[in-house]
């Protein structure tokens, strides 16, 4: 059974963001807007960010990101993380936080 039959379809959106933007800061900014849609920050590194949302909320997700910072530019939308990471290799590297 396909996973999407259980959880539904999703979309991943890649954005150009400032190089020094951290994931926790982006999450805090998104939450401060207080939207009704579910917007999850998958990754934020090296001047790129990737967020996840439902297909019907794609335009709203882009609007929220531009509300956070008008300089954020939507680069592409895909149904898979793999496609975005192939196009933007800087999103392939996942930096795990130190668990000391």
PDB file of N, CA and C in Angstrom:
ATOM      1  N   UNK A   1       0.838  -1.173   0.000  1.00  0.00           N
ATOM      2  CA  UNK A   1       0.000   0.000   0.000  1.00  0.00           C
ATOM      3  C   UNK A   1       0.891   1.248   0.000  1.00  0.00           C
ATOM      4  N   UNK A   2       0.575   2.193  -0.839  1.00  0.00           N
ATOM      5  CA  UNK A   2       1.355   3.421  -0.941  1.00  0.00           C
ATOM      6  C   UNK A   2       1.134   4.306   0.280  1.00  0.00           C
ATOM      7  N   UNK A   3       2.179   4.978   0.684  1.00  0.00           N
ATOM      8  CA  UNK A   3       2.103   5.860   1.848  1.00  0.00           C
ATOM      9  C   UNK A   3       1.091   6.976   1.616  1.00  0.00           C
ATOM     10  N   UNK A   4       1.049   7.508   0.386  1.00  0.00           N
ATOM     11  CA  UNK A   4       0.146   8.628   0.128  1.00  0.00           C
ATOM     12  C   UNK A   4      -1.329   8.259   0.287  1.00  0.00           C
ATOM     13  N   UNK A   5      -1.658   6.968   0.208  1.00  0.00           N
ATOM     14  CA  UNK A   5      -3.047   6.572   0.423  1.00  0.00           C
ATOM     15  C   UNK A   5      -3.429   6.715   1.901  1.00  0.00           C
ATOM     16  N   UNK A   6      -2.438   6.706   2.791  1.00  0.00           N
ATOM     17  CA  UNK A   6      -2.699   6.869   4.220  1.00  0.00           C
ATOM     18  C   UNK A   6      -2.673   8.336   4.645  1.00  0.00           C
ATOM     19  N   UNK A   7      -1.669   9.089   4.210  1.00  0.00           N
ATOM     20  CA  UNK A   7      -1.492  10.458   4.683  1.00  0.00           C
ATOM     21  C   UNK A   7      -1.901  11.514   3.678  1.00  0.00           C
ATOM     22  N   UNK A   8      -2.180  11.133   2.452  1.00  0.00           N
ATOM     23  CA  UNK A   8      -2.543  12.102   1.424  1.00  0.00           C
ATOM     24  C   UNK A   8      -1.327  12.629   0.698  1.00  0.00           C
ATOM     25  N   UNK A   9      -1.566  13.382  -0.345  1.00  0.00           N
ATOM     26  CA  UNK A   9      -0.474  13.949  -1.121  1.00  0.00           C
ATOM     27  C   UNK A   9       0.115  15.161  -0.412  1.00  0.00           C
ATOM     28  N   UNK A  10       1.386  15.422  -0.681  1.00  0.00           N
ATOM     29  CA  UNK A  10       2.044  16.590  -0.118  1.00  0.00           C
ATOM     30  C   UNK A  10       2.890  17.255  -1.194  1.00  0.00           C
ATOM     31  N   UNK A  11       3.267  18.502  -0.956  1.00  0.00           N
ATOM     32  CA  UNK A  11       4.126  19.243  -1.862  1.00  0.00           C
ATOM     33  C   UNK A  11       5.298  19.797  -1.067  1.00  0.00           C
ATOM     34  N   UNK A  12       6.444  19.804  -1.706  1.00  0.00           N
ATOM     35  CA  UNK A  12       7.648  20.398  -1.150  1.00  0.00           C
ATOM     36  C   UNK A  12       7.962  21.628  -1.988  1.00  0.00           C
ATOM     37  N   UNK A  13       8.276  22.734  -1.320  1.00  0.00           N
ATOM     38  CA  UNK A  13       8.577  23.979  -2.015  1.00  0.00           C
ATOM     39  C   UNK A  13       9.962  24.436  -1.579  1.00  0.00           C
ATOM     40  N   UNK A  14      10.824  24.715  -2.561  1.00  0.00           N
ATOM     41  CA  UNK A  14      12.175  25.218  -2.286  1.00  0.00           C
ATOM     42  C   UNK A  14      12.168  26.736  -2.388  1.00  0.00           C
ATOM     43  N   UNK A  15      12.916  27.370  -1.499  1.00  0.00           N
ATOM     44  CA  UNK A  15      13.012  28.832  -1.458  1.00  0.00           C
ATOM     45  C   UNK A  15      14.466  29.264  -1.386  1.00  0.00           C
ATOM     46  N   UNK A  16      14.747  30.411  -1.987  1.00  0.00           N
ATOM     47  CA  UNK A  16      16.007  31.115  -1.796  1.00  0.00           C
ATOM     48  C   UNK A  16      15.842  31.974  -0.554  1.00  0.00           C
ATOM     49  N   UNK A  17      16.727  31.806   0.425  1.00  0.00           N
ATOM     50  CA  UNK A  17      16.663  32.566   1.668  1.00  0.00           C
ATOM     51  C   UNK A  17      18.058  33.101   1.986  1.00  0.00           C
ATOM     52  N   UNK A  18      18.193  34.008   2.945  1.00  0.00           N
ATOM     53  CA  UNK A  18      19.524  34.496   3.320  1.00  0.00           C
ATOM     54  C   UNK A  18      20.423  33.357   3.808  1.00  0.00           C
ATOM     55  N   UNK A  19      21.711  33.467   3.514  1.00  0.00           N
ATOM     56  CA  UNK A  19      22.672  32.416   3.867  1.00  0.00           C
ATOM     57  C   UNK A  19      22.724  32.129   5.370  1.00  0.00           C
ATOM     58  N   UNK A  20      22.531  33.148   6.186  1.00  0.00           N
ATOM     59  CA  UNK A  20      22.679  32.961   7.630  1.00  0.00           C
ATOM     60  C   UNK A  20      21.392  32.570   8.345  1.00  0.00           C
ATOM     61  N   UNK A  21      20.306  32.344   7.603  1.00  0.00           N
ATOM     62  CA  UNK A  21      19.028  31.983   8.224  1.00  0.00           C
ATOM     63  C   UNK A  21      19.095  30.563   8.779  1.00  0.00           C
ATOM     64  N   UNK A  22      18.684  30.413  10.041  1.00  0.00           N
ATOM     65  CA  UNK A  22      18.653  29.103  10.670  1.00  0.00           C
ATOM     66  C   UNK A  22      17.226  28.558  10.683  1.00  0.00           C
ATOM     67  N   UNK A  23      17.108  27.242  10.718  1.00  0.00           N
ATOM     68  CA  UNK A  23      15.808  26.586  10.694  1.00  0.00           C
ATOM     69  C   UNK A  23      14.941  27.003  11.874  1.00  0.00           C
ATOM     70  N   UNK A  24      15.489  27.060  13.079  1.00  0.00           N
ATOM     71  CA  UNK A  24      14.701  27.411  14.253  1.00  0.00           C
ATOM     72  C   UNK A  24      14.157  28.839  14.168  1.00  0.00           C
ATOM     73  N   UNK A  25      14.930  29.740  13.602  1.00  0.00           N
ATOM     74  CA  UNK A  25      14.476  31.125  13.425  1.00  0.00           C
ATOM     75  C   UNK A  25      13.339  31.175  12.406  1.00  0.00           C
ATOM     76  N   UNK A  26      13.486  30.433  11.314  1.00  0.00           N
ATOM     77  CA  UNK A  26      12.439  30.394  10.291  1.00  0.00           C
ATOM     78  C   UNK A  26      11.148  29.821  10.865  1.00  0.00           C
ATOM     79  N   UNK A  27      11.239  28.760  11.626  1.00  0.00           N
ATOM     80  CA  UNK A  27      10.052  28.154  12.249  1.00  0.00           C
ATOM     81  C   UNK A  27       9.360  29.158  13.168  1.00  0.00           C
ATOM     82  N   UNK A  28      10.141  29.858  13.972  1.00  0.00           N
ATOM     83  CA  UNK A  28       9.580  30.859  14.890  1.00  0.00           C
ATOM     84  C   UNK A  28       8.856  31.964  14.121  1.00  0.00           C
ATOM     85  N   UNK A  29       9.455  32.429  13.020  1.00  0.00           N
ATOM     86  CA  UNK A  29       8.835  33.478  12.202  1.00  0.00           C
ATOM     87  C   UNK A  29       7.532  32.998  11.561  1.00  0.00           C
ATOM     88  N   UNK A  30       7.522  31.779  11.060  1.00  0.00           N
ATOM     89  CA  UNK A  30       6.310  31.214  10.443  1.00  0.00           C
ATOM     90  C   UNK A  30       5.206  31.091  11.491  1.00  0.00           C
ATOM     91  N   UNK A  31       5.551  30.599  12.673  1.00  0.00           N
ATOM     92  CA  UNK A  31       4.562  30.435  13.741  1.00  0.00           C
ATOM     93  C   UNK A  31       4.011  31.773  14.229  1.00  0.00           C
ATOM     94  N   UNK A  32       4.818  32.827  14.156  1.00  0.00           N
ATOM     95  CA  UNK A  32       4.363  34.139  14.612  1.00  0.00           C
ATOM     96  C   UNK A  32       3.283  34.720  13.702  1.00  0.00           C
ATOM     97  N   UNK A  33       3.230  34.258  12.470  1.00  0.00           N
ATOM     98  CA  UNK A  33       2.207  34.738  11.531  1.00  0.00           C
ATOM     99  C   UNK A  33       0.841  34.166  11.897  1.00  0.00           C
ATOM    100  N   UNK A  34       0.809  32.945  12.398  1.00  0.00           N
ATOM    101  CA  UNK A  34      -0.442  32.347  12.857  1.00  0.00           C
ATOM    102  C   UNK A  34      -1.399  32.001  11.742  1.00  0.00           C
ATOM    103  N   UNK A  35      -0.996  31.101  10.881  1.00  0.00           N
ATOM    104  CA  UNK A  35      -1.833  30.683   9.764  1.00  0.00           C
ATOM    105  C   UNK A  35      -2.643  29.431  10.130  1.00  0.00           C
ATOM    106  N   UNK A  36      -3.700  29.194   9.361  1.00  0.00           N
ATOM    107  CA  UNK A  36      -4.533  28.007   9.572  1.00  0.00           C
ATOM    108  C   UNK A  36      -3.958  26.769   8.893  1.00  0.00           C
ATOM    109  N   UNK A  37      -3.051  26.949   7.949  1.00  0.00           N
ATOM    110  CA  UNK A  37      -2.524  25.796   7.218  1.00  0.00           C
ATOM    111  C   UNK A  37      -1.337  25.193   7.960  1.00  0.00           C
ATOM    112  N   UNK A  38      -1.083  23.929   7.683  1.00  0.00           N
ATOM    113  CA  UNK A  38       0.060  23.240   8.263  1.00  0.00           C
ATOM    114  C   UNK A  38       1.250  23.424   7.327  1.00  0.00           C
ATOM    115  N   UNK A  39       2.272  24.100   7.810  1.00  0.00           N
ATOM    116  CA  UNK A  39       3.473  24.370   7.032  1.00  0.00           C
ATOM    117  C   UNK A  39       4.663  23.874   7.840  1.00  0.00           C
ATOM    118  N   UNK A  40       5.374  22.889   7.312  1.00  0.00           N
ATOM    119  CA  UNK A  40       6.483  22.271   8.027  1.00  0.00           C
ATOM    120  C   UNK A  40       7.804  22.616   7.340  1.00  0.00           C
ATOM    121  N   UNK A  41       8.781  23.100   8.093  1.00  0.00           N
ATOM    122  CA  UNK A  41      10.104  23.402   7.543  1.00  0.00           C
ATOM    123  C   UNK A  41      10.916  22.115   7.556  1.00  0.00           C
ATOM    124  N   UNK A  42      11.200  21.591   6.369  1.00  0.00           N
ATOM    125  CA  UNK A  42      11.962  20.353   6.242  1.00  0.00           C
ATOM    126  C   UNK A  42      13.442  20.629   6.465  1.00  0.00           C
ATOM    127  N   UNK A  43      13.934  21.692   5.829  1.00  0.00           N
ATOM    128  CA  UNK A  43      15.363  21.977   5.875  1.00  0.00           C
ATOM    129  C   UNK A  43      15.601  23.448   5.585  1.00  0.00           C
ATOM    130  N   UNK A  44      16.657  23.988   6.186  1.00  0.00           N
ATOM    131  CA  UNK A  44      17.058  25.364   5.931  1.00  0.00           C
ATOM    132  C   UNK A  44      18.570  25.425   6.078  1.00  0.00           C
ATOM    133  N   UNK A  45      19.271  25.512   4.961  1.00  0.00           N
ATOM    134  CA  UNK A  45      20.725  25.508   4.985  1.00  0.00           C
ATOM    135  C   UNK A  45      21.296  26.130   3.725  1.00  0.00           C
ATOM    136  N   UNK A  46      22.448  26.732   3.833  1.00  0.00           N
ATOM    137  CA  UNK A  46      23.211  27.252   2.685  1.00  0.00           C
ATOM    138  C   UNK A  46      22.409  28.169   1.767  1.00  0.00           C
ATOM    139  N   UNK A  47      21.542  28.985   2.334  1.00  0.00           N
ATOM    140  CA  UNK A  47      20.786  29.925   1.513  1.00  0.00           C
ATOM    141  C   UNK A  47      19.580  29.339   0.819  1.00  0.00           C
ATOM    142  N   UNK A  48      19.192  28.138   1.189  1.00  0.00           N
ATOM    143  CA  UNK A  48      18.005  27.487   0.633  1.00  0.00           C
ATOM    144  C   UNK A  48      17.163  26.951   1.781  1.00  0.00           C
ATOM    145  N   UNK A  49      15.858  26.916   1.571  1.00  0.00           N
ATOM    146  CA  UNK A  49      14.947  26.329   2.552  1.00  0.00           C
ATOM    147  C   UNK A  49      13.939  25.468   1.810  1.00  0.00           C
ATOM    148  N   UNK A  50      13.464  24.418   2.473  1.00  0.00           N
ATOM    149  CA  UNK A  50      12.441  23.555   1.892  1.00  0.00           C
ATOM    150  C   UNK A  50      11.321  23.406   2.912  1.00  0.00           C
ATOM    151  N   UNK A  51      10.087  23.662   2.463  1.00  0.00           N
ATOM    152  CA  UNK A  51       8.924  23.509   3.328  1.00  0.00           C
ATOM    153  C   UNK A  51       7.968  22.496   2.724  1.00  0.00           C
ATOM    154  N   UNK A  52       7.129  21.921   3.582  1.00  0.00           N
ATOM    155  CA  UNK A  52       6.161  20.903   3.151  1.00  0.00           C
ATOM    156  C   UNK A  52       4.760  21.385   3.475  1.00  0.00           C
ATOM    157  N   UNK A  53       3.835  21.144   2.547  1.00  0.00           N
ATOM    158  CA  UNK A  53       2.434  21.519   2.773  1.00  0.00           C
ATOM    159  C   UNK A  53       1.537  20.619   1.924  1.00  0.00           C
ATOM    160  N   UNK A  54       0.248  20.766   2.100  1.00  0.00           N
ATOM    161  CA  UNK A  54      -0.724  20.050   1.275  1.00  0.00           C
ATOM    162  C   UNK A  54      -0.797  20.732  -0.101  1.00  0.00           C
ATOM    163  N   UNK A  55      -1.104  19.983  -1.163  1.00  0.00           N
ATOM    164  CA  UNK A  55      -1.151  20.577  -2.501  1.00  0.00           C
ATOM    165  C   UNK A  55      -2.098  21.770  -2.607  1.00  0.00           C
ATOM    166  N   UNK A  56      -3.226  21.704  -1.922  1.00  0.00           N
ATOM    167  CA  UNK A  56      -4.200  22.793  -2.012  1.00  0.00           C
ATOM    168  C   UNK A  56      -3.743  24.043  -1.250  1.00  0.00           C
ATOM    169  N   UNK A  57      -2.704  23.902  -0.424  1.00  0.00           N
ATOM    170  CA  UNK A  57      -2.191  25.036   0.357  1.00  0.00           C
ATOM    171  C   UNK A  57      -0.906  25.614  -0.211  1.00  0.00           C
ATOM    172  N   UNK A  58      -0.525  25.205  -1.401  1.00  0.00           N
ATOM    173  CA  UNK A  58       0.740  25.637  -1.998  1.00  0.00           C
ATOM    174  C   UNK A  58       0.841  27.156  -2.113  1.00  0.00           C
ATOM    175  N   UNK A  59      -0.156  27.796  -2.678  1.00  0.00           N
ATOM    176  CA  UNK A  59      -0.126  29.252  -2.860  1.00  0.00           C
ATOM    177  C   UNK A  59      -0.103  29.978  -1.510  1.00  0.00           C
ATOM    178  N   UNK A  60      -0.850  29.460  -0.559  1.00  0.00           N
ATOM    179  CA  UNK A  60      -0.874  30.052   0.784  1.00  0.00           C
ATOM    180  C   UNK A  60       0.497  29.909   1.457  1.00  0.00           C
ATOM    181  N   UNK A  61       1.161  28.772   1.252  1.00  0.00           N
ATOM    182  CA  UNK A  61       2.494  28.560   1.824  1.00  0.00           C
ATOM    183  C   UNK A  61       3.493  29.562   1.250  1.00  0.00           C
ATOM    184  N   UNK A  62       3.429  29.796  -0.041  1.00  0.00           N
ATOM    185  CA  UNK A  62       4.315  30.773  -0.674  1.00  0.00           C
ATOM    186  C   UNK A  62       4.015  32.175  -0.147  1.00  0.00           C
ATOM    187  N   UNK A  63       2.744  32.475   0.050  1.00  0.00           N
ATOM    188  CA  UNK A  63       2.353  33.781   0.584  1.00  0.00           C
ATOM    189  C   UNK A  63       2.876  33.968   2.009  1.00  0.00           C
ATOM    190  N   UNK A  64       2.781  32.927   2.822  1.00  0.00           N
ATOM    191  CA  UNK A  64       3.266  32.993   4.195  1.00  0.00           C
ATOM    192  C   UNK A  64       4.775  33.223   4.215  1.00  0.00           C
ATOM    193  N   UNK A  65       5.492  32.516   3.369  1.00  0.00           N
ATOM    194  CA  UNK A  65       6.943  32.685   3.321  1.00  0.00           C
ATOM    195  C   UNK A  65       7.317  34.102   2.882  1.00  0.00           C
ATOM    196  N   UNK A  66       6.554  34.669   1.957  1.00  0.00           N
ATOM    197  CA  UNK A  66       6.859  36.037   1.534  1.00  0.00           C
ATOM    198  C   UNK A  66       6.444  37.044   2.607  1.00  0.00           C
ATOM    199  N   UNK A  67       5.501  36.677   3.452  1.00  0.00           N
ATOM    200  CA  UNK A  67       5.134  37.525   4.591  1.00  0.00           C
ATOM    201  C   UNK A  67       6.245  37.519   5.634  1.00  0.00           C
ATOM    202  N   UNK A  68       6.866  36.370   5.833  1.00  0.00           N
ATOM    203  CA  UNK A  68       7.978  36.257   6.768  1.00  0.00           C
ATOM    204  C   UNK A  68       9.106  37.187   6.325  1.00  0.00           C
ATOM    205  N   UNK A  69       9.419  37.125   5.030  1.00  0.00           N
ATOM    206  CA  UNK A  69      10.471  37.985   4.478  1.00  0.00           C
ATOM    207  C   UNK A  69      10.204  38.157   2.986  1.00  0.00           C
ATOM    208  N   UNK A  70       9.925  39.358   2.538  1.00  0.00           N
ATOM    209  CA  UNK A  70       9.618  39.576   1.116  1.00  0.00           C
ATOM    210  C   UNK A  70      10.744  39.192   0.160  1.00  0.00           C
ATOM    211  N   UNK A  71      11.962  39.036   0.680  1.00  0.00           N
ATOM    212  CA  UNK A  71      13.067  38.654  -0.199  1.00  0.00           C
ATOM    213  C   UNK A  71      13.125  37.154  -0.466  1.00  0.00           C
ATOM    214  N   UNK A  72      12.330  36.346   0.255  1.00  0.00           N
ATOM    215  CA  UNK A  72      12.301  34.901  -0.005  1.00  0.00           C
ATOM    216  C   UNK A  72      11.713  34.666  -1.390  1.00  0.00           C
ATOM    217  N   UNK A  73      12.399  33.846  -2.194  1.00  0.00           N
ATOM    218  CA  UNK A  73      11.954  33.568  -3.558  1.00  0.00           C
ATOM    219  C   UNK A  73      11.644  32.087  -3.687  1.00  0.00           C
ATOM    220  N   UNK A  74      10.439  31.780  -4.159  1.00  0.00           N
ATOM    221  CA  UNK A  74      10.056  30.398  -4.412  1.00  0.00           C
ATOM    222  C   UNK A  74      10.785  29.920  -5.667  1.00  0.00           C
ATOM    223  N   UNK A  75      11.524  28.810  -5.549  1.00  0.00           N
ATOM    224  CA  UNK A  75      12.313  28.308  -6.667  1.00  0.00           C
ATOM    225  C   UNK A  75      11.582  27.225  -7.448  1.00  0.00           C
ATOM    226  N   UNK A  76      11.000  26.277  -6.729  1.00  0.00           N
ATOM    227  CA  UNK A  76      10.263  25.203  -7.397  1.00  0.00           C
ATOM    228  C   UNK A  76       9.383  24.471  -6.404  1.00  0.00           C
ATOM    229  N   UNK A  77       8.382  23.785  -6.940  1.00  0.00           N
ATOM    230  CA  UNK A  77       7.493  22.945  -6.144  1.00  0.00           C
ATOM    231  C   UNK A  77       7.562  21.541  -6.712  1.00  0.00           C
ATOM    232  N   UNK A  78       7.572  20.552  -5.821  1.00  0.00           N
ATOM    233  CA  UNK A  78       7.648  19.163  -6.260  1.00  0.00           C
ATOM    234  C   UNK A  78       6.857  18.279  -5.308  1.00  0.00           C
ATOM    235  N   UNK A  79       6.508  17.116  -5.782  1.00  0.00           N
ATOM    236  CA  UNK A  79       5.836  16.124  -4.951  1.00  0.00           C
ATOM    237  C   UNK A  79       6.820  15.253  -4.190  1.00  0.00           C
ATOM    238  N   UNK A  80       8.126  15.391  -4.510  1.00  0.00           N
ATOM    239  CA  UNK A  80       9.134  14.572  -3.840  1.00  0.00           C
ATOM    240  C   UNK A  80      10.315  15.424  -3.389  1.00  0.00           C
ATOM    241  N   UNK A  81      10.904  15.037  -2.281  1.00  0.00           N
ATOM    242  CA  UNK A  81      12.109  15.697  -1.787  1.00  0.00           C
ATOM    243  C   UNK A  81      13.260  15.440  -2.756  1.00  0.00           C
ATOM    244  N   UNK A  82      13.305  14.249  -3.289  1.00  0.00           N
ATOM    245  CA  UNK A  82      14.402  13.849  -4.173  1.00  0.00           C
ATOM    246  C   UNK A  82      14.565  14.807  -5.345  1.00  0.00           C
ATOM    247  N   UNK A  83      13.479  15.187  -5.983  1.00  0.00           N
ATOM    248  CA  UNK A  83      13.550  16.077  -7.140  1.00  0.00           C
ATOM    249  C   UNK A  83      14.155  17.420  -6.757  1.00  0.00           C
ATOM    250  N   UNK A  84      13.750  17.967  -5.630  1.00  0.00           N
ATOM    251  CA  UNK A  84      14.290  19.253  -5.189  1.00  0.00           C
ATOM    252  C   UNK A  84      15.766  19.113  -4.850  1.00  0.00           C
ATOM    253  N   UNK A  85      16.133  18.051  -4.168  1.00  0.00           N
ATOM    254  CA  UNK A  85      17.535  17.861  -3.791  1.00  0.00           C
ATOM    255  C   UNK A  85      18.426  17.589  -5.002  1.00  0.00           C
ATOM    256  N   UNK A  86      17.899  16.998  -6.043  1.00  0.00           N
ATOM    257  CA  UNK A  86      18.680  16.817  -7.270  1.00  0.00           C
ATOM    258  C   UNK A  86      18.925  18.153  -7.954  1.00  0.00           C
ATOM    259  N   UNK A  87      17.946  19.030  -7.946  1.00  0.00           N
ATOM    260  CA  UNK A  87      18.081  20.347  -8.576  1.00  0.00           C
ATOM    261  C   UNK A  87      18.935  21.295  -7.745  1.00  0.00           C
ATOM    262  N   UNK A  88      18.836  21.194  -6.419  1.00  0.00           N
ATOM    263  CA  UNK A  88      19.580  22.068  -5.514  1.00  0.00           C
ATOM    264  C   UNK A  88      20.420  21.210  -4.569  1.00  0.00           C
ATOM    265  N   UNK A  89      21.645  20.856  -4.980  1.00  0.00           N
ATOM    266  CA  UNK A  89      22.494  19.933  -4.202  1.00  0.00           C
ATOM    267  C   UNK A  89      22.805  20.402  -2.779  1.00  0.00           C
ATOM    268  N   UNK A  90      22.761  21.719  -2.519  1.00  0.00           N
ATOM    269  CA  UNK A  90      23.027  22.192  -1.162  1.00  0.00           C
ATOM    270  C   UNK A  90      21.977  21.679  -0.174  1.00  0.00           C
ATOM    271  N   UNK A  91      20.830  21.257  -0.665  1.00  0.00           N
ATOM    272  CA  UNK A  91      19.801  20.690   0.205  1.00  0.00           C
ATOM    273  C   UNK A  91      19.989  19.189   0.422  1.00  0.00           C
ATOM    274  N   UNK A  92      20.993  18.599  -0.220  1.00  0.00           N
ATOM    275  CA  UNK A  92      21.273  17.172  -0.014  1.00  0.00           C
ATOM    276  C   UNK A  92      21.939  16.926   1.323  1.00  0.00           C
ATOM    277  N   UNK A  93      22.746  17.877   1.762  1.00  0.00           N
ATOM    278  CA  UNK A  93      23.462  17.693   3.019  1.00  0.00           C
ATOM    279  C   UNK A  93      22.543  18.006   4.186  1.00  0.00           C
ATOM    280  N   UNK A  94      22.502  17.097   5.102  1.00  0.00           N
ATOM    281  CA  UNK A  94      21.685  17.272   6.296  1.00  0.00           C
ATOM    282  C   UNK A  94      22.617  17.374   7.478  1.00  0.00           C
ATOM    283  N   UNK A  95      22.629  18.518   8.138  1.00  0.00           N
ATOM    284  CA  UNK A  95      23.476  18.709   9.306  1.00  0.00           C
ATOM    285  C   UNK A  95      22.678  18.367  10.558  1.00  0.00           C
ATOM    286  N   UNK A  96      23.114  17.343  11.240  1.00  0.00           N
ATOM    287  CA  UNK A  96      22.455  16.920  12.490  1.00  0.00           C
ATOM    288  C   UNK A  96      23.008  17.740  13.647  1.00  0.00           C
ATOM    289  N   UNK A  97      22.147  18.168  14.556  1.00  0.00           N
ATOM    290  CA  UNK A  97      22.647  18.908  15.717  1.00  0.00           C
ATOM    291  C   UNK A  97      23.450  17.990  16.628  1.00  0.00           C
ATOM    292  N   UNK A  98      24.445  18.552  17.306  1.00  0.00           N
ATOM    293  CA  UNK A  98      25.221  17.777  18.262  1.00  0.00           C
ATOM    294  C   UNK A  98      24.354  17.421  19.457  1.00  0.00           C
ATOM    295  N   UNK A  99      24.430  16.178  19.862  1.00  0.00           N
ATOM    296  CA  UNK A  99      23.637  15.739  21.015  1.00  0.00           C
ATOM    297  C   UNK A  99      24.583  15.451  22.173  1.00  0.00           C
ATOM    298  N   UNK A 100      25.182  16.478  22.672  1.00  0.00           N
ATOM    299  CA  UNK A 100      26.136  16.336  23.774  1.00  0.00           C
ATOM    300  C   UNK A 100      25.462  16.411  25.114  1.00  0.00           C
TER     301      UNK A 100
END
